[in-house]
Amino acid sequence: MSADRRKHLQTLLAEHDNAADLLRGICELCVMELAVSGARVRVLGGTNADGGGALVYSSDELGTRLDDLAITAGSAPCIDAYEFGRPVLIPNLTADGVRWPGFTADAITAGAAAVFSFPLQVGGVRLGVLEMHRLSAGSLTPAQLTDALLLADAATETIFDDVHAVAPLTLSGLVDIQAEVHQATGMVAADIRVSLADALLRIRGHAFAHHMTLAEVAKDIIERRLRLDSGE
C-alpha cells in the first residue's frame, strides 16, 4: 500500500520540473490529500538558538504566522521535530500544547487548532521541517500519516539533492531579513555588552512580549526606534 501511495504522489508531483516548484507542490498536495488547512517548509541549520534558516514556502498566511511564532519563541512543535528528529503530532493544541507556552496561545489565537511537524533529514543530516496545520482539532488517519511521511521524504530528497532549491522560492527580502536579525543582534550585544546569544534572547523576549516578529524588532533596533537596555 505504501508503495502504491508513493507512486500516486510521485505522479501528482511529476508536473513540477524544478526543486522550487516541487517544494511548493508538496505543500499543496498536503492540503489536497491530507485534509489539512495549510502546510509549509522551513529549512534550518545548526540549532534553533541562532534564529537562522528560512521559510521556503507556506501555502497560506496562517502558516507564515505560525512560522514567525515558532522562530520568535524558539520553542514549538516544529523546533522539537527538527531537534529530536521525529514527527511531533499535536491533534489538539488546546489540550496538548502546554509544552510550548511561548507558542501555543498565540498559535490558537491566530486560528490553528492542530499542527503536525515532520523532520526533513537524511541519516544524521538535518535539513528542516515540513509542518501542516488545521483550523479544527483532529488526528491524522493512518493513511494520512503515511502520506505525510512520504511527502516529507519527497521534500527531504528535493532539498538534499539540490542545494540551490531554496533560492527560487526565497520570499522577497528574505536574505535581507535574516541579515537584519544578525545585525540587530550585534548592535544589542555592543550596546549592553552581552554575548550574541544573550542579545538574541533579549530580542526574542521583546518580540514575544509585544507580539512582534523577530524581523520587526530587528528593523526597529537597526533604525534606532527601539533600544534594548540591560534590564529588557
Protein backbone atom coordinates (compact mmCIF):
# COMPACT_ATOMS: atom_id res chain seq x y z
CA MET A 1 0.00 0.00 0.00
CA SER A 2 2.81 2.42 0.89
CA ALA A 3 4.49 1.73 -2.45
CA ASP A 4 1.22 2.41 -4.27
CA ARG A 5 0.72 5.68 -2.40
CA ARG A 6 4.30 6.74 -3.10
CA LYS A 7 3.75 6.12 -6.81
CA HIS A 8 0.45 8.04 -6.70
CA LEU A 9 2.04 11.05 -5.01
CA GLN A 10 5.03 10.97 -7.34
CA THR A 11 2.65 11.03 -10.30
CA LEU A 12 0.89 14.09 -8.89
CA LEU A 13 4.25 15.82 -8.39
CA ALA A 14 5.62 14.89 -11.82
CA GLU A 15 4.43 18.13 -13.43
CA HIS A 16 6.83 20.16 -11.29
CA ASP A 17 10.08 20.49 -13.21
CA ASN A 18 12.38 22.14 -10.67
CA ALA A 19 13.11 21.89 -6.98
CA ALA A 20 11.41 25.14 -6.05
CA ASP A 21 8.15 24.21 -7.75
CA LEU A 22 8.38 20.72 -6.30
CA LEU A 23 8.52 22.02 -2.73
CA ARG A 24 5.54 24.23 -3.46
CA GLY A 25 3.73 21.26 -4.96
CA ILE A 26 4.46 19.14 -1.89
CA CYS A 27 2.81 21.74 0.35
CA GLU A 28 -0.17 21.98 -1.96
CA LEU A 29 -0.51 18.19 -2.01
CA CYS A 30 -0.54 18.16 1.79
CA VAL A 31 -3.63 20.36 1.67
CA MET A 32 -5.28 18.35 -1.11
CA GLU A 33 -4.57 14.84 0.17
CA LEU A 34 -4.34 15.10 3.96
CA ALA A 35 -7.37 17.21 4.89
CA VAL A 36 -5.19 19.90 6.44
CA SER A 37 -5.72 23.63 6.12
CA GLY A 38 -2.16 24.59 5.22
CA ALA A 39 1.45 23.42 5.00
CA ARG A 40 4.90 24.96 4.96
CA VAL A 41 8.54 24.01 4.52
CA ARG A 42 11.30 25.64 6.55
CA VAL A 43 15.00 24.92 6.21
CA LEU A 44 17.05 25.18 9.38
CA GLY A 45 20.69 24.93 10.29
CA GLY A 46 22.51 24.08 13.50
CA THR A 47 20.09 24.67 16.37
CA ASN A 48 17.14 26.96 16.81
CA ALA A 49 19.27 29.22 19.02
CA ASP A 50 20.61 31.35 16.19
CA GLY A 51 17.24 32.32 14.71
CA GLY A 52 18.53 31.25 11.31
CA GLY A 53 17.14 29.21 8.47
CA ALA A 54 14.46 30.31 6.05
CA LEU A 55 10.79 29.80 5.35
CA VAL A 56 10.87 28.24 1.89
CA TYR A 57 7.15 28.14 1.17
CA SER A 58 3.87 28.46 3.04
CA SER A 59 0.53 27.64 1.47
CA ASP A 60 -1.35 30.27 3.47
CA GLU A 61 -0.97 33.28 5.75
CA LEU A 62 -1.60 31.23 8.88
CA GLY A 63 1.38 29.02 8.06
CA THR A 64 3.55 32.11 7.74
CA ARG A 65 2.25 33.37 11.08
CA LEU A 66 2.93 30.03 12.78
CA ASP A 67 6.44 30.08 11.37
CA ASP A 68 7.01 33.57 12.79
CA LEU A 69 5.69 32.48 16.19
CA ALA A 70 7.89 29.37 16.28
CA ILE A 71 11.10 31.19 15.39
CA THR A 72 10.34 34.09 17.72
CA ALA A 73 9.54 31.81 20.67
CA GLY A 74 12.39 29.43 19.89
CA SER A 75 10.20 26.60 21.15
CA ALA A 76 7.42 24.98 19.14
CA PRO A 77 6.39 21.61 17.68
CA CYS A 78 8.41 22.23 14.51
CA ILE A 79 11.54 23.07 16.53
CA ASP A 80 11.18 19.83 18.51
CA ALA A 81 10.65 17.83 15.32
CA TYR A 82 13.85 19.29 13.89
CA GLU A 83 15.97 18.97 17.02
CA PHE A 84 14.86 15.46 18.03
CA GLY A 85 14.49 14.05 14.53
CA ARG A 86 10.98 12.67 14.95
CA PRO A 87 7.44 13.71 13.99
CA VAL A 88 5.61 15.85 16.53
CA LEU A 89 1.87 15.38 16.09
CA ILE A 90 -0.44 17.70 18.03
CA PRO A 91 -4.07 16.97 17.10
CA ASN A 92 -5.40 19.41 19.69
CA LEU A 93 -3.27 22.44 20.54
CA THR A 94 -5.58 23.50 23.35
CA ALA A 95 -5.21 20.17 25.15
CA ASP A 96 -1.72 19.11 24.10
CA GLY A 97 0.22 22.33 23.53
CA VAL A 98 1.30 23.04 27.11
CA ARG A 99 4.89 22.08 26.28
CA TRP A 100 5.28 25.26 24.23
CA PRO A 101 3.75 28.11 26.30
CA GLY A 102 5.51 30.76 24.24
CA PHE A 103 3.98 29.43 21.04
CA THR A 104 0.67 27.74 21.76
CA ALA A 105 -1.53 30.59 23.00
CA ASP A 106 -0.68 32.86 20.08
CA ALA A 107 -0.99 29.98 17.61
CA ILE A 108 -4.51 29.26 18.85
CA THR A 109 -5.38 32.96 18.72
CA ALA A 110 -4.14 33.04 15.13
CA GLY A 111 -6.55 30.23 14.26
CA ALA A 112 -4.57 26.99 14.49
CA ALA A 113 -6.20 24.06 16.28
CA ALA A 114 -3.80 21.25 15.32
CA VAL A 115 -0.24 21.02 13.96
CA PHE A 116 1.75 18.12 12.56
CA SER A 117 5.51 18.59 12.21
CA PHE A 118 7.84 16.26 10.30
CA PRO A 119 11.64 16.48 10.29
CA LEU A 120 13.46 16.60 6.97
CA GLN A 121 16.66 14.65 7.46
CA VAL A 122 18.98 12.15 5.81
CA GLY A 123 20.67 10.00 8.43
CA GLY A 124 22.24 12.44 10.85
CA VAL A 125 21.96 15.37 8.45
CA ARG A 126 19.09 17.64 9.48
CA LEU A 127 17.69 19.92 6.81
CA GLY A 128 14.45 21.41 8.10
CA VAL A 129 10.79 20.66 8.71
CA LEU A 130 7.54 20.10 6.87
CA GLU A 131 4.64 21.27 9.03
CA MET A 132 0.90 21.12 8.45
CA HIS A 133 -1.90 22.78 10.40
CA ARG A 134 -5.65 22.51 10.76
CA LEU A 135 -8.29 25.01 11.77
CA SER A 136 -10.14 22.33 13.74
CA ALA A 137 -8.77 19.71 16.11
CA GLY A 138 -8.33 16.14 14.93
CA SER A 139 -5.70 13.47 14.36
CA LEU A 140 -4.30 12.35 11.04
CA THR A 141 -5.72 9.00 9.98
CA PRO A 142 -3.21 6.16 9.47
CA ALA A 143 -3.47 6.67 5.70
CA GLN A 144 -2.93 10.43 6.04
CA LEU A 145 0.05 9.86 8.31
CA THR A 146 1.57 7.51 5.74
CA ASP A 147 1.12 10.13 3.02
CA ALA A 148 2.57 12.83 5.26
CA LEU A 149 5.70 10.75 5.84
CA LEU A 150 6.01 10.08 2.10
CA LEU A 151 5.68 13.79 1.31
CA ALA A 152 8.26 14.61 3.99
CA ASP A 153 10.60 12.12 2.30
CA ALA A 154 9.98 13.84 -1.03
CA ALA A 155 10.76 17.25 0.46
CA THR A 156 13.92 15.87 2.07
CA GLU A 157 15.14 14.37 -1.19
CA THR A 158 14.40 17.59 -3.06
CA ILE A 159 16.39 19.79 -0.68
CA PHE A 160 19.22 17.28 -0.24
CA ASP A 161 19.65 16.70 -3.98
CA ASP A 162 19.56 20.36 -4.92
CA VAL A 163 21.38 22.69 -2.56
CA HIS A 164 20.08 25.61 -4.62
CA ALA A 165 16.44 24.57 -4.25
CA VAL A 166 15.61 27.35 -1.81
CA ALA A 167 16.79 30.26 -3.95
CA PRO A 168 13.85 30.39 -6.40
CA LEU A 169 11.38 30.26 -3.52
CA THR A 170 13.09 32.82 -1.33
CA LEU A 171 10.50 35.28 -0.16
CA SER A 172 11.05 38.87 -1.22
CA GLY A 173 13.65 40.36 1.08
CA LEU A 174 14.23 37.10 2.97
CA VAL A 175 18.01 37.33 2.80
CA ASP A 176 17.81 40.94 3.99
CA ILE A 177 15.53 39.91 6.85
CA GLN A 178 17.98 37.27 8.09
CA ALA A 179 20.82 39.78 7.79
CA GLU A 180 18.82 42.35 9.76
CA VAL A 181 18.27 39.92 12.64
CA HIS A 182 22.01 39.25 12.82
CA GLN A 183 22.82 42.97 12.53
CA ALA A 184 20.37 43.86 15.30
CA THR A 185 21.80 41.11 17.49
CA GLY A 186 25.27 42.56 17.09
CA MET A 187 24.02 46.06 17.88
CA VAL A 188 22.28 44.95 21.07
CA ALA A 189 25.34 42.94 22.14
CA ALA A 190 27.54 46.01 21.69
CA ASP A 191 25.08 48.42 23.33
CA ILE A 192 24.58 46.48 26.55
CA ARG A 193 27.80 44.45 26.50
CA VAL A 194 26.40 40.94 26.44
CA SER A 195 27.12 37.90 24.28
CA LEU A 196 25.45 37.48 20.90
CA ALA A 197 23.42 34.59 22.31
CA ASP A 198 22.15 36.75 25.18
CA ALA A 199 21.42 39.61 22.79
CA LEU A 200 19.29 37.35 20.61
CA LEU A 201 17.43 36.09 23.67
CA ARG A 202 16.61 39.69 24.60
CA ILE A 203 15.36 40.41 21.08
CA ARG A 204 13.25 37.25 21.20
CA GLY A 205 11.89 38.22 24.61
CA HIS A 206 10.87 41.66 23.38
CA ALA A 207 9.26 40.20 20.27
CA PHE A 208 7.29 37.70 22.34
CA ALA A 209 6.19 40.24 24.94
CA HIS A 210 5.00 42.71 22.31
CA HIS A 211 3.54 40.19 19.84
CA MET A 212 6.05 41.13 17.15
CA THR A 213 8.19 39.04 14.80
CA LEU A 214 11.97 38.91 15.06
CA ALA A 215 12.20 40.79 11.77
CA GLU A 216 10.00 43.63 13.06
CA VAL A 217 12.02 44.03 16.25
CA ALA A 218 15.30 43.84 14.34
CA LYS A 219 14.19 46.59 11.97
CA ASP A 220 13.20 48.85 14.86
CA ILE A 221 16.59 48.29 16.52
CA ILE A 222 18.56 48.99 13.34
CA GLU A 223 16.59 52.16 12.64
CA ARG A 224 17.03 53.22 16.28
CA ARG A 225 13.32 53.29 17.04
CA LEU A 226 13.99 50.72 19.75
CA ARG A 227 16.86 50.35 22.18
CA LEU A 228 17.01 47.34 24.49
CA ASP A 229 18.66 48.22 27.76
CA SER A 230 20.29 45.81 30.18
CA GLY A 231 17.02 45.37 32.05
CA GLU A 232 14.94 44.39 28.99
